N, C-alpha and C. Protein backbone atom coordinates (compact mmCIF):
# COMPACT_ATOMS: atom_id res chain seq x y z
N MET A 1 0.81 -1.21 0.00
CA MET A 1 0.01 0.02 0.01
C MET A 1 0.81 1.21 -0.03
N GLU A 2 1.80 1.34 0.89
CA GLU A 2 2.59 2.61 1.04
C GLU A 2 3.57 2.65 -0.15
N ASN A 3 4.11 1.53 -0.57
CA ASN A 3 5.16 1.58 -1.59
C ASN A 3 4.72 1.69 -3.02
N TYR A 4 3.36 1.32 -3.30
CA TYR A 4 2.96 1.28 -4.61
C TYR A 4 1.69 2.22 -4.73
N ALA A 5 0.59 1.86 -4.14
CA ALA A 5 -0.69 2.61 -4.25
C ALA A 5 -0.59 4.04 -3.83
N LYS A 6 0.09 4.36 -2.74
CA LYS A 6 0.25 5.69 -2.39
C LYS A 6 0.83 6.60 -3.44
N LEU A 7 1.69 6.07 -4.27
CA LEU A 7 2.38 6.87 -5.29
C LEU A 7 1.42 7.04 -6.51
N GLN A 8 0.41 6.30 -6.66
CA GLN A 8 -0.45 6.31 -7.86
C GLN A 8 -1.86 6.87 -7.62
N VAL A 9 -2.30 6.97 -6.37
CA VAL A 9 -3.70 7.46 -6.12
C VAL A 9 -3.72 8.81 -5.42
N ARG A 10 -4.88 9.43 -5.56
CA ARG A 10 -5.10 10.71 -4.81
C ARG A 10 -5.04 10.48 -3.34
N PRO A 11 -4.71 11.44 -2.57
CA PRO A 11 -4.69 11.34 -1.12
C PRO A 11 -6.14 10.85 -0.52
N SER A 12 -7.18 11.32 -1.15
CA SER A 12 -8.46 10.88 -0.67
C SER A 12 -8.71 9.47 -0.89
N SER A 13 -8.32 8.96 -2.10
CA SER A 13 -8.34 7.48 -2.35
C SER A 13 -7.46 6.65 -1.39
N HIS A 14 -6.36 7.21 -1.11
CA HIS A 14 -5.40 6.47 -0.23
C HIS A 14 -6.05 6.33 1.15
N LYS A 15 -6.75 7.40 1.58
CA LYS A 15 -7.38 7.40 2.96
C LYS A 15 -8.56 6.28 2.94
N THR A 16 -9.23 6.36 1.80
CA THR A 16 -10.34 5.42 1.65
C THR A 16 -9.82 3.95 1.70
N TYR A 17 -8.80 3.73 0.96
CA TYR A 17 -8.22 2.44 0.93
C TYR A 17 -7.69 2.00 2.42
N GLN A 18 -7.01 2.93 3.12
CA GLN A 18 -6.60 2.57 4.41
C GLN A 18 -7.79 2.15 5.32
N GLY A 19 -8.98 2.86 5.13
CA GLY A 19 -10.20 2.43 5.88
C GLY A 19 -10.56 1.09 5.48
N PHE A 20 -10.61 0.75 4.26
CA PHE A 20 -10.94 -0.64 3.77
C PHE A 20 -10.09 -1.64 4.46
N ILE A 21 -8.78 -1.38 4.44
CA ILE A 21 -7.79 -2.40 5.05
C ILE A 21 -8.05 -2.58 6.45
N GLU A 22 -8.10 -1.45 7.24
CA GLU A 22 -8.22 -1.53 8.64
C GLU A 22 -9.53 -2.15 9.13
N ASN A 23 -10.52 -1.72 8.47
CA ASN A 23 -11.89 -2.12 8.95
C ASN A 23 -12.39 -3.41 8.38
N HIS A 24 -11.97 -3.87 7.26
CA HIS A 24 -12.50 -5.00 6.62
C HIS A 24 -11.50 -6.12 6.26
N ILE A 25 -10.48 -5.63 5.58
CA ILE A 25 -9.53 -6.64 5.00
C ILE A 25 -8.69 -7.32 6.04
N LYS A 26 -8.01 -6.51 6.86
CA LYS A 26 -7.12 -7.08 7.92
C LYS A 26 -7.94 -8.00 8.93
N PRO A 27 -9.04 -7.54 9.38
CA PRO A 27 -9.81 -8.42 10.39
C PRO A 27 -10.20 -9.82 9.76
N ALA A 28 -10.53 -9.76 8.38
CA ALA A 28 -10.98 -11.02 7.79
C ALA A 28 -9.84 -11.84 7.26
N LEU A 29 -8.81 -11.21 6.71
CA LEU A 29 -7.86 -11.99 6.06
C LEU A 29 -6.40 -11.85 6.49
N GLY A 30 -6.24 -10.97 7.54
CA GLY A 30 -4.84 -10.70 8.12
C GLY A 30 -4.07 -11.78 8.56
N ASP A 31 -4.74 -12.88 8.97
CA ASP A 31 -3.99 -13.99 9.52
C ASP A 31 -3.66 -15.06 8.45
N ILE A 32 -4.02 -14.89 7.22
CA ILE A 32 -3.81 -15.81 6.18
C ILE A 32 -2.51 -15.34 5.42
N PRO A 33 -1.57 -16.28 5.36
CA PRO A 33 -0.32 -16.00 4.61
C PRO A 33 -0.71 -15.78 3.06
N LEU A 34 0.06 -14.82 2.54
CA LEU A 34 -0.28 -14.46 1.08
C LEU A 34 -0.38 -15.69 0.17
N GLU A 35 0.64 -16.57 0.28
CA GLU A 35 0.61 -17.69 -0.65
C GLU A 35 -0.48 -18.72 -0.35
N LYS A 36 -1.16 -18.59 0.85
CA LYS A 36 -2.30 -19.49 1.09
C LYS A 36 -3.67 -18.87 0.86
N LEU A 37 -3.70 -17.53 0.45
CA LEU A 37 -4.95 -16.86 0.22
C LEU A 37 -5.64 -17.46 -1.10
N THR A 38 -6.90 -17.80 -0.91
CA THR A 38 -7.66 -18.45 -2.09
C THR A 38 -8.85 -17.61 -2.44
N ALA A 39 -9.38 -17.90 -3.61
CA ALA A 39 -10.66 -17.16 -4.05
C ALA A 39 -11.72 -17.42 -3.12
N MET A 40 -11.79 -18.57 -2.47
CA MET A 40 -12.88 -18.89 -1.57
C MET A 40 -12.80 -17.93 -0.24
N ASN A 41 -11.52 -17.64 0.24
CA ASN A 41 -11.35 -16.74 1.29
C ASN A 41 -11.95 -15.36 0.94
N LEU A 42 -11.64 -14.90 -0.36
CA LEU A 42 -12.13 -13.64 -0.79
C LEU A 42 -13.63 -13.60 -1.00
N GLN A 43 -14.08 -14.68 -1.50
CA GLN A 43 -15.62 -14.84 -1.79
C GLN A 43 -16.32 -14.75 -0.39
N ARG A 44 -15.85 -15.37 0.62
CA ARG A 44 -16.51 -15.29 1.97
C ARG A 44 -16.43 -13.87 2.40
N LEU A 45 -15.27 -13.23 2.22
CA LEU A 45 -15.17 -11.81 2.68
C LEU A 45 -16.21 -10.93 2.01
N TYR A 46 -16.35 -11.07 0.69
CA TYR A 46 -17.30 -10.28 -0.07
C TYR A 46 -18.79 -10.56 0.47
N LYS A 47 -19.05 -11.81 0.64
CA LYS A 47 -20.40 -12.17 1.18
C LYS A 47 -20.67 -11.49 2.51
N HIS A 48 -19.62 -11.64 3.43
CA HIS A 48 -19.79 -11.07 4.68
C HIS A 48 -19.93 -9.48 4.54
N LEU A 49 -19.19 -8.89 3.73
CA LEU A 49 -19.44 -7.40 3.62
C LEU A 49 -20.75 -7.04 3.12
N LEU A 50 -21.28 -7.77 2.27
CA LEU A 50 -22.56 -7.45 1.69
C LEU A 50 -23.76 -7.72 2.70
N GLU A 51 -23.50 -8.67 3.55
CA GLU A 51 -24.59 -9.05 4.55
C GLU A 51 -24.43 -8.16 5.83
N SER A 52 -23.25 -7.97 6.33
CA SER A 52 -23.04 -7.33 7.55
C SER A 52 -21.74 -6.67 7.71
N GLY A 53 -21.27 -6.01 6.71
CA GLY A 53 -20.02 -5.33 6.66
C GLY A 53 -19.80 -3.92 7.22
N ARG A 54 -21.02 -3.31 7.49
CA ARG A 54 -21.03 -1.89 7.92
C ARG A 54 -20.40 -1.80 9.32
N VAL A 55 -19.47 -0.94 9.38
CA VAL A 55 -18.84 -0.59 10.72
C VAL A 55 -19.73 0.14 11.60
N GLU A 56 -19.90 -0.28 12.81
CA GLU A 56 -20.79 0.37 13.68
C GLU A 56 -20.29 1.65 14.12
N CYS A 57 -21.15 2.71 13.85
CA CYS A 57 -20.86 4.11 14.37
C CYS A 57 -22.27 4.78 14.45
N THR A 58 -22.33 5.88 15.02
CA THR A 58 -23.53 6.59 15.29
C THR A 58 -24.29 6.85 13.85
N GLU A 59 -23.59 7.24 12.84
CA GLU A 59 -24.21 7.53 11.64
C GLU A 59 -24.77 6.36 10.88
N SER A 60 -24.26 5.15 11.17
CA SER A 60 -24.67 3.99 10.42
C SER A 60 -25.84 3.15 11.15
N ARG A 61 -26.24 3.59 12.35
CA ARG A 61 -27.27 2.88 13.01
C ARG A 61 -28.59 2.72 12.30
N SER A 62 -28.99 3.74 11.49
CA SER A 62 -30.27 3.65 10.78
C SER A 62 -30.04 3.09 9.33
N LYS A 63 -28.86 2.70 8.97
CA LYS A 63 -28.61 2.18 7.60
C LYS A 63 -28.54 0.63 7.63
N PRO A 64 -28.67 0.06 6.44
CA PRO A 64 -28.58 -1.44 6.48
C PRO A 64 -27.28 -1.98 6.99
N LYS A 65 -27.28 -3.23 7.41
CA LYS A 65 -26.00 -3.81 8.09
C LYS A 65 -24.85 -4.05 7.07
N GLY A 66 -25.29 -4.32 5.79
CA GLY A 66 -24.33 -4.57 4.82
C GLY A 66 -23.78 -3.46 3.99
N LEU A 67 -22.65 -3.56 3.39
CA LEU A 67 -22.07 -2.63 2.50
C LEU A 67 -22.76 -2.68 1.12
N SER A 68 -22.70 -1.53 0.42
CA SER A 68 -23.35 -1.57 -0.91
C SER A 68 -22.46 -2.42 -1.88
N VAL A 69 -23.21 -2.86 -3.02
CA VAL A 69 -22.55 -3.63 -3.94
C VAL A 69 -21.27 -2.78 -4.51
N LYS A 70 -21.52 -1.55 -4.76
CA LYS A 70 -20.42 -0.74 -5.33
C LYS A 70 -19.28 -0.64 -4.35
N THR A 71 -19.41 -0.56 -3.12
CA THR A 71 -18.29 -0.60 -2.10
C THR A 71 -17.58 -1.89 -2.17
N VAL A 72 -18.32 -3.02 -2.18
CA VAL A 72 -17.76 -4.33 -2.21
C VAL A 72 -16.91 -4.54 -3.57
N ARG A 73 -17.42 -4.10 -4.60
CA ARG A 73 -16.68 -4.07 -5.86
C ARG A 73 -15.41 -3.29 -5.80
N ASN A 74 -15.49 -2.09 -5.23
CA ASN A 74 -14.28 -1.20 -5.03
C ASN A 74 -13.21 -1.96 -4.16
N ILE A 75 -13.72 -2.61 -3.09
CA ILE A 75 -12.74 -3.29 -2.31
C ILE A 75 -12.06 -4.43 -3.07
N ASN A 76 -12.90 -5.14 -3.86
CA ASN A 76 -12.35 -6.20 -4.80
C ASN A 76 -11.29 -5.62 -5.74
N GLN A 77 -11.65 -4.45 -6.28
CA GLN A 77 -10.73 -3.84 -7.19
C GLN A 77 -9.38 -3.54 -6.56
N MET A 78 -9.44 -2.98 -5.38
CA MET A 78 -8.21 -2.68 -4.62
C MET A 78 -7.42 -3.90 -4.31
N ILE A 79 -8.10 -5.01 -3.80
CA ILE A 79 -7.43 -6.23 -3.50
C ILE A 79 -6.82 -6.84 -4.71
N SER A 80 -7.54 -6.75 -5.85
CA SER A 80 -7.10 -7.38 -7.15
C SER A 80 -5.84 -6.67 -7.56
N SER A 81 -5.78 -5.35 -7.49
CA SER A 81 -4.64 -4.56 -7.91
C SER A 81 -3.42 -4.93 -7.06
N ALA A 82 -3.59 -5.00 -5.74
CA ALA A 82 -2.48 -5.46 -4.83
C ALA A 82 -1.96 -6.90 -5.27
N LEU A 83 -2.89 -7.75 -5.52
CA LEU A 83 -2.50 -9.12 -5.78
C LEU A 83 -1.86 -9.23 -7.19
N ASN A 84 -2.25 -8.37 -8.10
CA ASN A 84 -1.61 -8.31 -9.36
C ASN A 84 -0.13 -7.87 -9.24
N CYS A 85 0.05 -6.91 -8.37
CA CYS A 85 1.41 -6.50 -7.99
C CYS A 85 2.26 -7.72 -7.43
N ALA A 86 1.58 -8.45 -6.55
CA ALA A 86 2.27 -9.69 -6.00
C ALA A 86 2.65 -10.68 -7.00
N VAL A 87 1.71 -10.82 -8.00
CA VAL A 87 2.05 -11.83 -9.12
C VAL A 87 3.22 -11.30 -9.93
N GLU A 88 3.30 -10.03 -10.22
CA GLU A 88 4.35 -9.41 -10.96
C GLU A 88 5.71 -9.55 -10.27
N GLN A 89 5.65 -9.51 -8.92
CA GLN A 89 6.90 -9.64 -8.14
C GLN A 89 7.09 -11.17 -7.86
N ARG A 90 6.38 -12.04 -8.37
CA ARG A 90 6.47 -13.44 -8.18
C ARG A 90 6.47 -13.88 -6.74
N LEU A 91 5.63 -13.20 -6.00
CA LEU A 91 5.24 -13.68 -4.63
C LEU A 91 4.20 -14.67 -4.59
N ILE A 92 3.35 -14.68 -5.58
CA ILE A 92 2.31 -15.67 -5.76
C ILE A 92 2.18 -16.06 -7.18
N PRO A 93 1.80 -17.18 -7.50
CA PRO A 93 1.72 -17.63 -8.91
C PRO A 93 0.58 -17.09 -9.70
N ARG A 94 -0.54 -16.85 -9.02
CA ARG A 94 -1.68 -16.24 -9.74
C ARG A 94 -2.54 -15.49 -8.74
N ASN A 95 -3.40 -14.55 -9.30
CA ASN A 95 -4.22 -13.74 -8.53
C ASN A 95 -5.55 -14.41 -8.21
N PRO A 96 -5.76 -14.61 -6.84
CA PRO A 96 -6.96 -15.40 -6.46
C PRO A 96 -8.30 -14.63 -6.70
N THR A 97 -8.21 -13.28 -6.93
CA THR A 97 -9.46 -12.59 -7.30
C THR A 97 -10.06 -12.99 -8.58
N LYS A 98 -9.19 -13.57 -9.41
CA LYS A 98 -9.73 -14.07 -10.69
C LYS A 98 -10.84 -15.13 -10.62
N GLY A 99 -10.83 -15.84 -9.47
CA GLY A 99 -11.82 -16.92 -9.28
C GLY A 99 -13.13 -16.46 -8.58
N CYS A 100 -13.24 -15.15 -8.30
CA CYS A 100 -14.36 -14.63 -7.48
C CYS A 100 -15.57 -14.24 -8.32
N VAL A 101 -16.69 -14.39 -7.84
CA VAL A 101 -17.93 -13.85 -8.49
C VAL A 101 -18.35 -12.67 -7.75
N LEU A 102 -18.54 -11.53 -8.38
CA LEU A 102 -18.84 -10.29 -7.77
C LEU A 102 -20.42 -10.05 -7.97
N PRO A 103 -20.97 -9.38 -6.98
CA PRO A 103 -22.37 -9.02 -7.11
C PRO A 103 -22.60 -8.01 -8.28
N LYS A 104 -23.63 -8.15 -8.94
CA LYS A 104 -23.91 -7.21 -10.08
C LYS A 104 -24.35 -5.83 -9.53
N LEU A 105 -23.88 -4.88 -10.22
CA LEU A 105 -24.41 -3.46 -9.92
C LEU A 105 -25.78 -3.38 -10.46
N GLU A 106 -26.58 -2.73 -9.58
CA GLU A 106 -27.96 -2.49 -10.02
C GLU A 106 -28.01 -1.04 -10.58
N ARG A 107 -28.42 -1.04 -11.82
CA ARG A 107 -28.53 0.30 -12.44
C ARG A 107 -29.85 0.89 -12.13
N LYS A 108 -29.82 2.03 -11.57
CA LYS A 108 -31.09 2.75 -11.24
C LYS A 108 -31.51 3.70 -12.46
N GLU A 109 -32.76 3.70 -12.78
CA GLU A 109 -33.21 4.51 -13.80
C GLU A 109 -33.12 5.98 -13.35
N MET A 110 -32.59 6.77 -14.22
CA MET A 110 -32.50 8.21 -13.97
C MET A 110 -33.90 8.91 -13.87
N LYS A 111 -34.09 9.74 -12.92
CA LYS A 111 -35.31 10.48 -12.80
C LYS A 111 -35.07 11.92 -13.14
N ILE A 112 -35.87 12.32 -14.04
CA ILE A 112 -35.72 13.79 -14.51
C ILE A 112 -36.63 14.61 -13.65
N LEU A 113 -35.99 15.69 -12.99
CA LEU A 113 -36.79 16.60 -12.18
C LEU A 113 -37.21 17.65 -13.02
N LEU A 114 -38.55 17.90 -12.87
CA LEU A 114 -39.13 19.00 -13.66
C LEU A 114 -39.35 20.11 -12.75
N PRO A 115 -39.21 21.32 -13.30
CA PRO A 115 -39.40 22.53 -12.46
C PRO A 115 -41.03 22.61 -12.00
N GLU A 116 -41.20 23.18 -10.84
CA GLU A 116 -42.58 23.14 -10.36
C GLU A 116 -43.35 24.02 -11.20
N ASN A 117 -42.83 25.06 -11.73
CA ASN A 117 -43.52 26.01 -12.65
C ASN A 117 -42.93 25.93 -14.04
N PRO A 118 -43.66 25.25 -14.95
CA PRO A 118 -43.14 25.04 -16.28
C PRO A 118 -42.81 26.31 -17.03
N MET A 119 -43.40 27.43 -16.70
CA MET A 119 -43.24 28.68 -17.31
C MET A 119 -41.87 29.25 -16.92
N SER A 120 -41.26 28.68 -15.87
CA SER A 120 -39.95 29.25 -15.42
C SER A 120 -38.84 28.87 -16.34
N LEU A 121 -39.09 28.04 -17.27
CA LEU A 121 -38.08 27.59 -18.28
C LEU A 121 -37.70 28.72 -19.17
N ASN A 122 -38.59 29.67 -19.42
CA ASN A 122 -38.42 30.78 -20.34
C ASN A 122 -37.41 31.81 -19.92
């Protein structure tokens, strides 16, 4: 993270990545040696994040317990990039994220807001 990603991403992205690592990735995968990490370990992480991954804080009490599909996909992208780097450095033979199935993004239909007074368009 510090040697590669920090050099390539905006400071705000770096802070977000640090939060993902500290709140979600380390607690779930931190005890697994890199060479033993499997797609199944990652798949379980993603399932957990979708179902109950939200960190408890005052602001999140009224929200669903799981993280959004978009957030889980962003976490996968971050992990995948890190593991691609590990493959390039020959620390692992292949990237285990390649065997994961990610939840599909739900496309919401755009809603067009109309002015309350149609005559105000003039």
